[in-house]
Amino acid sequence: MGQSRCRRAAGFTMLEALVAIVVLAFGVLGVANLLIKSFRFAQQSSYDIVAMQLANDMAERMRSNGNLTDSGTFNAIDTQNGAPVVTGPGNLYNGACTGGAATCAPLAANFELAEWTQRVQSSLPGGRAIICRDATTYGLTTGYQWACNAATGGTNSTTDTPLVIKIGWVSRFTDRQGTDIATGTTMTDSVGANGTATPQMVVVVLPGVKS
């Protein structure tokens, strides 16, 4: 009788140990999942900050060069498609422009665009930025969109439509197949070439001015 009782007790203890191991395993998996999500949120937040700094930096440069901004120099810029192709006129940090304002202002603007384009592409994963005139910055059903639409009767080169900066990058909330974990939207080409992704940040540089 004594031996039988000892055997039953040993078996019951083994079962408790197995249950404890299973519970511990689920706990470890839960903590690991929480840490992964926390890392993703932290990294996505850092990209948000970088994008805001880039947008504000270019916005201030554009406002400080109002004549060129109004003339359309900064309109229809797309860092992904290279429209138009932006090439810097050498490094203006090492050598100042010796011409007059009419010569130096466009050179400085072109240099700033080339430098800013490189920063967008190097600072954000799959980074893309568009500078354009857009009458519909945000839609209730569509949200942010890469497409730029001038106001009715206006064009992308006139001042009757708000001038905006749109920035997007590969979100940290995507899986290995490039699918948005929250919405299921295909994000492999997350900078918008396939039309499925949208900008993650839009900054209005100048409001539209009605004549």
C-alpha atoms as a PDB file:
ATOM      1  CA  MET A   1       0.000   0.000   0.000  1.00  0.00           C
ATOM      2  CA  GLY A   2       2.780   2.400   0.910  1.00  0.00           C
ATOM      3  CA  GLN A   3       4.632   1.861  -2.342  1.00  0.00           C
ATOM      4  CA  SER A   4       1.436   2.337  -4.343  1.00  0.00           C
ATOM      5  CA  ARG A   5       0.747   5.663  -2.680  1.00  0.00           C
ATOM      6  CA  CYS A   6       4.305   6.855  -3.346  1.00  0.00           C
ATOM      7  CA  ARG A   7       3.978   6.012  -7.003  1.00  0.00           C
ATOM      8  CA  ARG A   8       0.706   7.914  -7.318  1.00  0.00           C
ATOM      9  CA  ALA A   9       2.216  10.962  -5.648  1.00  0.00           C
ATOM     10  CA  ALA A  10       5.225  10.897  -7.977  1.00  0.00           C
ATOM     11  CA  GLY A  11       2.967  10.710 -11.024  1.00  0.00           C
ATOM     12  CA  PHE A  12       0.847  13.610  -9.856  1.00  0.00           C
ATOM     13  CA  THR A  13       3.960  15.740  -9.291  1.00  0.00           C
ATOM     14  CA  MET A  14       5.163  14.985 -12.827  1.00  0.00           C
ATOM     15  CA  LEU A  15       1.842  16.187 -14.251  1.00  0.00           C
ATOM     16  CA  GLU A  16       2.083  19.422 -12.274  1.00  0.00           C
ATOM     17  CA  ALA A  17       5.596  19.974 -13.592  1.00  0.00           C
ATOM     18  CA  LEU A  18       4.455  19.515 -17.203  1.00  0.00           C
ATOM     19  CA  VAL A  19       1.575  21.944 -16.745  1.00  0.00           C
ATOM     20  CA  ALA A  20       3.937  24.478 -15.175  1.00  0.00           C
ATOM     21  CA  ILE A  21       6.334  24.146 -18.129  1.00  0.00           C
ATOM     22  CA  VAL A  22       3.510  24.707 -20.621  1.00  0.00           C
ATOM     23  CA  VAL A  23       2.269  27.769 -18.729  1.00  0.00           C
ATOM     24  CA  LEU A  24       5.820  29.125 -18.510  1.00  0.00           C
ATOM     25  CA  ALA A  25       6.323  28.591 -22.242  1.00  0.00           C
ATOM     26  CA  PHE A  26       3.180  30.584 -23.056  1.00  0.00           C
ATOM     27  CA  GLY A  27       4.369  33.326 -20.721  1.00  0.00           C
ATOM     28  CA  VAL A  28       7.783  33.491 -22.391  1.00  0.00           C
ATOM     29  CA  LEU A  29       6.169  33.654 -25.840  1.00  0.00           C
ATOM     30  CA  GLY A  30       3.882  36.451 -24.667  1.00  0.00           C
ATOM     31  CA  VAL A  31       6.789  38.470 -23.285  1.00  0.00           C
ATOM     32  CA  ALA A  32       8.792  37.925 -26.491  1.00  0.00           C
ATOM     33  CA  ASN A  33       5.855  39.100 -28.611  1.00  0.00           C
ATOM     34  CA  LEU A  34       5.455  42.163 -26.393  1.00  0.00           C
ATOM     35  CA  LEU A  35       9.149  43.019 -26.730  1.00  0.00           C
ATOM     36  CA  ILE A  36       9.015  42.663 -30.519  1.00  0.00           C
ATOM     37  CA  LYS A  37       5.986  44.951 -30.754  1.00  0.00           C
ATOM     38  CA  SER A  38       7.602  47.466 -28.397  1.00  0.00           C
ATOM     39  CA  PHE A  39      10.704  47.516 -30.601  1.00  0.00           C
ATOM     40  CA  ARG A  40       8.570  48.066 -33.701  1.00  0.00           C
ATOM     41  CA  PHE A  41       6.680  50.930 -32.069  1.00  0.00           C
ATOM     42  CA  ALA A  42       9.939  52.534 -30.923  1.00  0.00           C
ATOM     43  CA  GLN A  43      11.520  52.257 -34.371  1.00  0.00           C
ATOM     44  CA  GLN A  44       8.399  53.524 -36.122  1.00  0.00           C
ATOM     45  CA  SER A  45       8.318  56.486 -33.727  1.00  0.00           C
ATOM     46  CA  SER A  46      11.938  57.286 -34.561  1.00  0.00           C
ATOM     47  CA  TYR A  47      11.065  57.274 -38.277  1.00  0.00           C
ATOM     48  CA  ASP A  48       8.132  59.598 -37.564  1.00  0.00           C
ATOM     49  CA  ILE A  49      10.502  62.044 -35.873  1.00  0.00           C
ATOM     50  CA  VAL A  50      13.038  61.862 -38.719  1.00  0.00           C
ATOM     51  CA  ALA A  51      10.321  62.410 -41.335  1.00  0.00           C
ATOM     52  CA  MET A  52       8.927  65.406 -39.454  1.00  0.00           C
ATOM     53  CA  GLN A  53      12.408  66.926 -39.194  1.00  0.00           C
ATOM     54  CA  LEU A  54      12.987  66.415 -42.927  1.00  0.00           C
ATOM     55  CA  ALA A  55       9.619  67.935 -43.828  1.00  0.00           C
ATOM     56  CA  ASN A  56      10.062  70.941 -41.537  1.00  0.00           C
ATOM     57  CA  ASP A  57      13.599  71.509 -42.806  1.00  0.00           C
ATOM     58  CA  MET A  58      12.519  71.618 -46.452  1.00  0.00           C
ATOM     59  CA  ALA A  59       9.432  73.684 -45.596  1.00  0.00           C
ATOM     60  CA  GLU A  60      11.596  76.357 -43.950  1.00  0.00           C
ATOM     61  CA  ARG A  61      13.960  76.405 -46.928  1.00  0.00           C
ATOM     62  CA  MET A  62      11.044  76.834 -49.301  1.00  0.00           C
ATOM     63  CA  ARG A  63       9.484  79.622 -47.242  1.00  0.00           C
ATOM     64  CA  SER A  64      12.820  81.440 -47.074  1.00  0.00           C
ATOM     65  CA  ASN A  65      13.087  81.319 -50.865  1.00  0.00           C
ATOM     66  CA  GLY A  66       9.606  82.621 -51.578  1.00  0.00           C
ATOM     67  CA  ASN A  67      10.200  83.876 -55.120  1.00  0.00           C
ATOM     68  CA  LEU A  68      11.335  80.483 -56.378  1.00  0.00           C
ATOM     69  CA  THR A  69       8.596  78.729 -54.430  1.00  0.00           C
ATOM     70  CA  ASP A  70       5.919  80.888 -56.057  1.00  0.00           C
ATOM     71  CA  SER A  71       7.460  80.395 -59.501  1.00  0.00           C
ATOM     72  CA  GLY A  72       7.117  76.621 -59.203  1.00  0.00           C
ATOM     73  CA  THR A  73      10.762  75.607 -58.699  1.00  0.00           C
ATOM     74  CA  PHE A  74       9.808  73.282 -55.835  1.00  0.00           C
ATOM     75  CA  ASN A  75       6.658  71.915 -57.478  1.00  0.00           C
ATOM     76  CA  ALA A  76       6.261  68.355 -58.792  1.00  0.00           C
ATOM     77  CA  ILE A  77       9.326  66.935 -57.020  1.00  0.00           C
ATOM     78  CA  ASP A  78       9.327  63.141 -56.588  1.00  0.00           C
ATOM     79  CA  THR A  79      12.405  61.602 -54.962  1.00  0.00           C
ATOM     80  CA  GLN A  80      11.463  58.098 -56.095  1.00  0.00           C
ATOM     81  CA  ASN A  81      10.691  58.628 -59.767  1.00  0.00           C
ATOM     82  CA  GLY A  82      13.223  61.399 -60.261  1.00  0.00           C
ATOM     83  CA  ALA A  83      10.668  63.834 -61.658  1.00  0.00           C
ATOM     84  CA  PRO A  84      12.283  66.150 -62.389  1.00  0.00           C
ATOM     85  CA  VAL A  85      15.881  64.913 -62.194  1.00  0.00           C
ATOM     86  CA  VAL A  86      17.557  66.908 -59.443  1.00  0.00           C
ATOM     87  CA  THR A  87      21.329  67.278 -59.647  1.00  0.00           C
ATOM     88  CA  GLY A  88      23.215  69.472 -57.245  1.00  0.00           C
ATOM     89  CA  PRO A  89      25.524  72.176 -58.704  1.00  0.00           C
ATOM     90  CA  GLY A  90      28.549  70.946 -56.768  1.00  0.00           C
ATOM     91  CA  ASN A  91      28.986  71.396 -53.047  1.00  0.00           C
ATOM     92  CA  LEU A  92      27.930  74.918 -52.120  1.00  0.00           C
ATOM     93  CA  TYR A  93      29.225  74.332 -48.591  1.00  0.00           C
ATOM     94  CA  ASN A  94      32.790  74.390 -49.912  1.00  0.00           C
ATOM     95  CA  GLY A  95      32.422  77.179 -52.423  1.00  0.00           C
ATOM     96  CA  ALA A  96      30.028  80.117 -52.381  1.00  0.00           C
ATOM     97  CA  CYS A  97      28.161  81.197 -55.483  1.00  0.00           C
ATOM     98  CA  THR A  98      29.821  84.261 -57.001  1.00  0.00           C
ATOM     99  CA  GLY A  99      26.994  85.326 -59.307  1.00  0.00           C
ATOM    100  CA  GLY A 100      24.078  87.590 -58.618  1.00  0.00           C
ATOM    101  CA  ALA A 101      20.820  86.699 -56.927  1.00  0.00           C
ATOM    102  CA  ALA A 102      19.220  85.683 -60.214  1.00  0.00           C
ATOM    103  CA  THR A 103      21.980  83.105 -60.724  1.00  0.00           C
ATOM    104  CA  CYS A 104      22.690  81.960 -57.184  1.00  0.00           C
ATOM    105  CA  ALA A 105      19.108  81.525 -55.963  1.00  0.00           C
ATOM    106  CA  PRO A 106      18.216  78.759 -58.474  1.00  0.00           C
ATOM    107  CA  LEU A 107      21.589  77.077 -57.891  1.00  0.00           C
ATOM    108  CA  ALA A 108      21.048  77.108 -54.139  1.00  0.00           C
ATOM    109  CA  ALA A 109      17.520  75.733 -54.522  1.00  0.00           C
ATOM    110  CA  ASN A 110      18.724  72.932 -56.796  1.00  0.00           C
ATOM    111  CA  PHE A 111      21.528  72.085 -54.384  1.00  0.00           C
ATOM    112  CA  GLU A 112      19.128  71.988 -51.442  1.00  0.00           C
ATOM    113  CA  LEU A 113      16.737  69.701 -53.330  1.00  0.00           C
ATOM    114  CA  ALA A 114      19.537  67.307 -54.297  1.00  0.00           C
ATOM    115  CA  GLU A 115      20.870  67.196 -50.747  1.00  0.00           C
ATOM    116  CA  TRP A 116      17.397  66.772 -49.249  1.00  0.00           C
ATOM    117  CA  THR A 117      16.556  63.964 -51.674  1.00  0.00           C
ATOM    118  CA  GLN A 118      19.637  62.048 -50.541  1.00  0.00           C
ATOM    119  CA  ARG A 119      18.693  62.552 -46.900  1.00  0.00           C
ATOM    120  CA  VAL A 120      15.165  61.232 -47.455  1.00  0.00           C
ATOM    121  CA  GLN A 121      16.447  58.122 -49.201  1.00  0.00           C
ATOM    122  CA  SER A 122      19.226  57.438 -46.695  1.00  0.00           C
ATOM    123  CA  SER A 123      17.392  58.303 -43.454  1.00  0.00           C
ATOM    124  CA  LEU A 124      14.170  56.348 -44.049  1.00  0.00           C
ATOM    125  CA  PRO A 125      13.828  52.720 -45.223  1.00  0.00           C
ATOM    126  CA  GLY A 126      12.419  52.887 -48.728  1.00  0.00           C
ATOM    127  CA  GLY A 127      11.971  56.619 -48.191  1.00  0.00           C
ATOM    128  CA  ARG A 128      10.003  58.621 -50.720  1.00  0.00           C
ATOM    129  CA  ALA A 129       8.998  62.284 -50.732  1.00  0.00           C
ATOM    130  CA  ILE A 130       6.818  64.343 -53.037  1.00  0.00           C
ATOM    131  CA  ILE A 131       6.529  68.135 -53.156  1.00  0.00           C
ATOM    132  CA  CYS A 132       3.514  69.327 -55.097  1.00  0.00           C
ATOM    133  CA  ARG A 133       0.370  71.415 -55.190  1.00  0.00           C
ATOM    134  CA  ASP A 134      -2.516  69.349 -53.822  1.00  0.00           C
ATOM    135  CA  ALA A 135      -6.077  70.549 -53.325  1.00  0.00           C
ATOM    136  CA  THR A 136      -7.160  67.422 -51.426  1.00  0.00           C
ATOM    137  CA  THR A 137      -4.519  66.793 -48.804  1.00  0.00           C
ATOM    138  CA  TYR A 138      -6.635  64.290 -46.880  1.00  0.00           C
ATOM    139  CA  GLY A 139      -9.768  62.370 -47.827  1.00  0.00           C
ATOM    140  CA  LEU A 140     -12.225  60.918 -45.346  1.00  0.00           C
ATOM    141  CA  THR A 141     -12.417  57.640 -47.264  1.00  0.00           C
ATOM    142  CA  THR A 142      -8.991  57.544 -48.903  1.00  0.00           C
ATOM    143  CA  GLY A 143      -6.748  59.145 -46.272  1.00  0.00           C
ATOM    144  CA  TYR A 144      -3.405  60.425 -47.563  1.00  0.00           C
ATOM    145  CA  GLN A 145      -2.597  59.744 -51.229  1.00  0.00           C
ATOM    146  CA  TRP A 146       0.540  60.122 -53.336  1.00  0.00           C
ATOM    147  CA  ALA A 147      -1.431  61.642 -56.215  1.00  0.00           C
ATOM    148  CA  CYS A 148      -1.470  65.435 -56.387  1.00  0.00           C
ATOM    149  CA  ASN A 149      -4.561  67.246 -57.634  1.00  0.00           C
ATOM    150  CA  ALA A 150      -4.617  70.955 -58.336  1.00  0.00           C
ATOM    151  CA  ALA A 151      -7.646  73.021 -57.445  1.00  0.00           C
ATOM    152  CA  THR A 152     -10.454  73.352 -59.974  1.00  0.00           C
ATOM    153  CA  GLY A 153      -9.306  75.652 -62.721  1.00  0.00           C
ATOM    154  CA  GLY A 154      -5.748  75.690 -61.382  1.00  0.00           C
ATOM    155  CA  THR A 155      -2.517  73.917 -62.225  1.00  0.00           C
ATOM    156  CA  ASN A 156       0.384  72.447 -60.322  1.00  0.00           C
ATOM    157  CA  SER A 157       2.445  75.556 -61.076  1.00  0.00           C
ATOM    158  CA  THR A 158       0.015  78.145 -59.711  1.00  0.00           C
ATOM    159  CA  THR A 159      -0.421  79.386 -56.172  1.00  0.00           C
ATOM    160  CA  ASP A 160      -4.177  78.738 -55.931  1.00  0.00           C
ATOM    161  CA  THR A 161      -3.575  75.255 -54.494  1.00  0.00           C
ATOM    162  CA  PRO A 162      -1.831  74.376 -51.194  1.00  0.00           C
ATOM    163  CA  LEU A 163       1.830  73.429 -51.524  1.00  0.00           C
ATOM    164  CA  VAL A 164       2.518  70.236 -49.559  1.00  0.00           C
ATOM    165  CA  ILE A 165       5.316  67.811 -48.708  1.00  0.00           C
ATOM    166  CA  LYS A 166       4.378  64.114 -48.611  1.00  0.00           C
ATOM    167  CA  ILE A 167       6.727  61.561 -47.055  1.00  0.00           C
ATOM    168  CA  GLY A 168       6.417  57.780 -46.809  1.00  0.00           C
ATOM    169  CA  TRP A 169       8.625  54.812 -45.960  1.00  0.00           C
ATOM    170  CA  VAL A 170       8.492  51.075 -45.281  1.00  0.00           C
ATOM    171  CA  SER A 171       6.448  50.718 -42.123  1.00  0.00           C
ATOM    172  CA  ARG A 172       7.758  48.655 -39.230  1.00  0.00           C
ATOM    173  CA  PHE A 173       4.267  47.184 -38.920  1.00  0.00           C
ATOM    174  CA  THR A 174       4.710  44.850 -41.896  1.00  0.00           C
ATOM    175  CA  ASP A 175       5.507  41.156 -41.959  1.00  0.00           C
ATOM    176  CA  ARG A 176       8.163  39.417 -44.055  1.00  0.00           C
ATOM    177  CA  GLN A 177       5.791  39.143 -47.010  1.00  0.00           C
ATOM    178  CA  GLY A 178       5.257  42.894 -46.954  1.00  0.00           C
ATOM    179  CA  THR A 179       1.696  42.785 -45.656  1.00  0.00           C
ATOM    180  CA  ASP A 180       0.482  45.366 -43.182  1.00  0.00           C
ATOM    181  CA  ILE A 181      -0.159  43.476 -39.959  1.00  0.00           C
ATOM    182  CA  ALA A 182      -3.047  45.710 -38.932  1.00  0.00           C
ATOM    183  CA  THR A 183      -4.940  46.105 -42.224  1.00  0.00           C
ATOM    184  CA  GLY A 184      -3.708  43.277 -44.452  1.00  0.00           C
ATOM    185  CA  THR A 185      -2.790  45.762 -47.191  1.00  0.00           C
ATOM    186  CA  THR A 186       0.097  44.779 -49.458  1.00  0.00           C
ATOM    187  CA  MET A 187       3.036  46.955 -48.452  1.00  0.00           C
ATOM    188  CA  THR A 188       5.915  45.300 -50.346  1.00  0.00           C
ATOM    189  CA  ASP A 189       6.165  48.392 -52.510  1.00  0.00           C
ATOM    190  CA  SER A 190       5.363  50.644 -49.619  1.00  0.00           C
ATOM    191  CA  VAL A 191       6.430  53.853 -51.324  1.00  0.00           C
ATOM    192  CA  GLY A 192       3.476  53.872 -53.628  1.00  0.00           C
ATOM    193  CA  ALA A 193       4.503  52.601 -57.070  1.00  0.00           C
ATOM    194  CA  ASN A 194       1.741  50.002 -57.021  1.00  0.00           C
ATOM    195  CA  GLY A 195      -0.811  52.373 -55.526  1.00  0.00           C
ATOM    196  CA  THR A 196      -1.507  50.288 -52.429  1.00  0.00           C
ATOM    197  CA  ALA A 197       0.472  52.284 -49.902  1.00  0.00           C
ATOM    198  CA  THR A 198      -0.072  55.872 -48.845  1.00  0.00           C
ATOM    199  CA  PRO A 199       2.132  58.642 -47.447  1.00  0.00           C
ATOM    200  CA  GLN A 200       2.601  58.429 -43.712  1.00  0.00           C
ATOM    201  CA  MET A 201       3.083  62.158 -43.256  1.00  0.00           C
ATOM    202  CA  VAL A 202       1.856  65.259 -45.091  1.00  0.00           C
ATOM    203  CA  VAL A 203       2.954  68.787 -44.199  1.00  0.00           C
ATOM    204  CA  VAL A 204       1.326  71.873 -45.714  1.00  0.00           C
ATOM    205  CA  VAL A 205       4.070  74.347 -46.594  1.00  0.00           C
ATOM    206  CA  LEU A 206       1.916  77.140 -47.979  1.00  0.00           C
ATOM    207  CA  PRO A 207      -1.882  77.423 -48.199  1.00  0.00           C
ATOM    208  CA  GLY A 208      -3.460  78.076 -51.551  1.00  0.00           C
ATOM    209  CA  VAL A 209      -3.993  81.723 -52.426  1.00  0.00           C
ATOM    210  CA  LYS A 210      -7.108  82.627 -54.375  1.00  0.00           C
ATOM    211  CA  SER A 211      -6.673  85.515 -56.758  1.00  0.00           C
END
